Each structure stands twice: as structure tokens, then as C-alpha cells.
């Protein structure tokens, strides 16, 4: 089924609307009788691989951050939805499921509960419960707990009379643990600790009291006692292990309707808000300070995206002052008052997300937006001249294949045309940014028709399927070469590209990990101008449920390169060139198919920073075993080396919490005198060859 280009957006990709279409139907490549040979030429070096190539992107898309990195057990903890009579069923629609949160229901008659708007603690209202001789209150179901693990909580309450409140965790088997706290007439925050005896994914929390008068509840929180500054200890540990070098946040499309001022200060006083982009209620618990603290916890450079949709330049400048300002500035003083004495010193700032897209809140014409961008840049740099600014690029490949505004009969957007957003930024905002951002979400099993502006189904071999995202990097590189002709100053290398959103195949699998490896290789080939890449989502590096987590197949691919690949790329030659393009050049088809001249294998090589080790990455995207002969020019290896192999039992192999991982990285020794190297089907290897002194 064909899809009109206007529907091909990041939102649709994340919702899984563009699915796999016969991807693995064709027979895989069969190696010819001639031996594939690769030659590594150490004498031809390229600019160093920026560490920020190993970056990520996270967004408040529904509950993504709240349910993966943040440790809060409860949803709607400030009663945005009030109290219901019965619990709602979990939605079957995938988009609705993304924003679904558990809601509170009544213990006792719902008629005994009113929503007090006059004396609300936070937000528009707080539940007020008319007490009686039998227990009345609220409960939230379908909660997950680990037995024997202590949980710490707090409840904000007031009551007409001094009242004893029972807080209970009740498992699916009716096992109950209860703690009691007391309330008084004034709003007060009472802390408690509770330890469920048994593990359960179907528990519920119950808050009840007996007596007379009214009990009011302003907010409730419950977290594992081992949380790290509010974050889950397990997922934060894995994110730290991933060694993400830079993280773009907190949006994404989300950012264009985001008011950062709702996310600072006392968490219980931050109003819950409905995000109109993803139609999800945000408690605003994971706000500016929390996300910047998270970056410190995982040793990651923060890269903050600013709202230029519903926002205006003053809000951007005030945010920079809150984050980076001295304690004697207006907003710096507010940061100090919120418990963060030292400036965060955030260097990287993304002004606006995909503002070229008609789906983006606050979208406007290119010629109007460049003025708005310039106002933001000037206002923010007036606060901190040292910041590094990234602007939404909208290169012609991106504008053509789904991120632009479709015009019938004019599917392809050409460099320098009115619909070329990057051209407008370069022409009218030069000097107001340090890098341009680009995004790519190529669909699986589909190609873009330059004539009709529609996607069409394609049966792809595993090799073709795996190199789809790498080819999108290459189409952007083709566009960059055209921009350099129009703006010769780009040849000086001072303006960079941040590929700060990219992903492919949102299902975790070995074949997806192979595609990631090929994409990294393409980034390595353009280190002269691609300075950063942000994988969507950074949380895809881990597989998790409500209480446990493990590193995913995709995470293992990133980890393999981040840990073991070198930093100074060198030339790779070979005797088996990539096949010529099957489709017209433009849109999603680069001038030359990506990959080294070692088809169907892909080879990338780089020296370590000290030059003492040559690292070589080999990717086999086929479903058959392959081998390659390698030789070196300008490098003599010695003794024993090492090799790390990313392998799995089949194309769909994945890593799931609670099960033995199917995709693993194995380390072994390497005889550096060997010249022939074998690769299992759908596998990746990185070799280390020590230099002979």
C-alpha cells in the first residue's frame, strides 16, 4: 500500500505505521568464487571521529522517560484526572498506549469524593474525601513491585480533624503491607517507607482513612529506596555503562509546546500538564534540573532543545540564564533557590525542532522562521556568548522524503529552492548558528518515488535492508556537497552537521544492530562535517520492564564501537565495489550506494589516537557466512591482537529482560599474521592489530 509523503513523519515512524514489507523475501547474496579483498591504507587519514557520534536522543514522548529512567511507581500522582469509579482498560491502539497512565479509583462510594478547586494543592484541583466509619479513599492498580525491596514515599495531605491514614500495598494474591501516617488541618508532606513481601506486576496502592470530616490529598509519590536522585538505579547504571557521549533532550516534537518553567522547583508543586503534541499528561517531575543531573550521573554531555514553537526569545534567554547564569542573575538565583548552587555550564543548545514541518507546533514559513531563529540566537547569546547553537536544518533529502511540505507534481525538493529549508538558514541566518541539524527515519521495506512523492513497497535482500539508514546519511552528504558550492565558506569546515535524530527498525533485533553498524561506518566516512549523531531513542539501548532492565541488541552494537573502534579513520580499498544504484538519485537514493569496495561486506578502519593500534570493523549483512582477505599499506602488525564479535542466533534475535541474551559480544585473541577472516551470517567484528615497533 502506498502512503502519501505528507504522512511520512517521525511521529508515524515512532508509532510503527510504516511496517516491514517482505524485507527478507529475496534470497540473500551468495559470494562469488573470487575472494573478497580489502586493503587498509594507513597513509590516507581522515579527520578524527567526533566522540559525539556516539550520542542519543530522548524525548518526553508519552511516558518514555517517566517509565524508563525515572523511578516513580505511581502515575497521575497529582490527580490531574481526579478519581474514577472503576479503572480504565489498557488501550489496544498503539498511539493511545504510548500516553496511557493509570488513574486513581475510589475506595468506597465515588459520591464521597469531590474535586476541591478552591483549595487545590497543585494543578486545578485536589480530591477531598468525606470520611465515615468504614474506610474511604483512593487506590491505583496494576503496579509492579519487587518483594523484599523497600520503597520510600511521601504524601501531601490535610484534613478537617487529625486523621490516621493507612497506606497499603496489596499484591495480586491479596498479601498486604500497611503503614500509617497522620494528617492535620494544614497541608503537610509526610514521608513513609513500605516493603512489599512478594513480587507482583498486579499490585495496587491503597490510601484510606476512617473518621469524620474531609481528608484532602494533594500529591503522592512512591519510589524504590535505592533510587539515584529520583532515577532508577538499574536503568541509570546501564545508561552509564553505555557511555553515551552526548544526549539531546527533552524533545523532539514535544518541545514545541513545552514550558520549562513548569518543570523547576518543588516537584509536588509543579503542575501536571497535558502535552498537546503526544496527547499525554506530564507530571513534570523530570524537568530541567533532573535531566541535567541525569547527564552528570551517566557522565554524558547535555544538549538542550529550546521551544521555538509556542515559545519566544525571552523564554529561551531565561532558560540559558537559569541553566548557566551566575547566582546573582535573576534566573540563576532561582536555580540556586531550587538547590543547585553551581551553573550547569551547558554548551550545546538546539534552537527549535523540525520547524520546517507542518506538524510542528508553531510552524511558519521559512522566510519568517529565520527571523525568529535569529532573535532566539541573539537573546540566548546575550546571556551566554559561549554557547554552541544548532539550528533545524531541513536538508533537501529530508524535505523530499517526508519532512517537508508536499506539492503534487513537485515531489523532489531541489537545493536552493523555496522549499529548501537548509538553504534558507544558510542564506538568512549565517552567523547565528554553529551547526545545522538533520533527522532521518527511513522506513523498512519501502522506497520513495521521486515522481509521485509516495512510498512504494520493495522486496529487499538483507544487504539492501541493512544499508537503508546508511544510505540516508549518504543522501545528506550529497546535499552537503551541493550547499558547499552555493556557500563556499562551508569549505572552511566551521559549520557542522548534527545528525541528532536517526533510527531504523524500531524493533530490537540482530539485523537492526547490523544496520546500526553500517550507519556508524557511514558517519565515519564524513567526519569532516558530521560532528554529532543522536540515536532515537537513547533508551532503546536497554530493554526494560517496570522493575528490571538489560542492554538490548542495539545497545550492544553501539557499545561495541564506542568501546573498541579507533578514532582516526583511514582509507579502505578493495576489489568488490558496491553495486550501482537501482533507483533514481535523490530523496532516499544517494549518488553512490554506501559501503566500502568489499561488497557485500562493509569494512571501516581507524587508528587509535596514539597510532599504536589499528582497529578494523567488518560487517556481514548477509544471511550466509563470508570471508575476506585483508592487507595493510604502511602498517606492520605484531604478535597477538584481539577481536570482539557481535553475534546472535538469527536475524530476529533480541535481548529481553528475564531471559538469556540472544545477541552478545564475545572477546577472543587474534593471530595478527593471518590475512583471511571469516564472518558468520549477520555479524560484526572489530579487530585490534597492535603496531610493530
Foldseek 3Di string as FASTA:
>chain_A
DWDFLQVPDPVCVVLCVFDADQAAVDAWDDDDPDFWAKEFEPVFWDAWAFLQQLAAEAAVQACVCVQFWFFWQAPPQQQPVPEAADWDDQDPRSLSNSQDHWHKYKDPDPVQWDWDQPPALAARTWIKGFAAQDKIDIKTWQTWDAAPFKKKKKWWKEWPAKWKKWKWKQAPVRQIDIDIDIHYHDTDIDMDMTGHHHTHRTIMITIITHDGGIMITRGMTMGGPPADVRTDPFSLVVLLLLVRAEYEDHDDLQQQQDQLVLQAADLSHRHWDQRPLSRHIDSSPCGDVNVLVSCVSSVYAYAYEHHPQPDAQVSLQLVLCLQANACPDPNVVVNVVRPDHHHSPRAHYEYDDLLQAPSRRNRDFLVVVLVRLLSNLVSNCVNPVRHAYEYAAQAQLNCLNRSHDDDFQQSGDDPPDRRRNNNSCCVRVPVSHQEYEDEDEDRHQWDADRGGSMIDGHHHHLLVRLQLQLLQLQLVVVRVVVVCVVPVVVVVLRYAYAPAEYAYDLAFWLSRLLSVLLNVLSSVVPSSHHNHYHYPHSSQQWADHNRHIDGKLNSQSSSCCSPFAATIWTDMAIDAQDDADPDDDGNSGHRGRDAHRRPPKHKTWGAHPVRFKIKMKIWASTQAKHKYFYHYHPFDFDDKKKKKKWDFDDGGFMQHPPDDHRTDIDMDIHGVVDGMDMDHHSMMMMIITGTDD
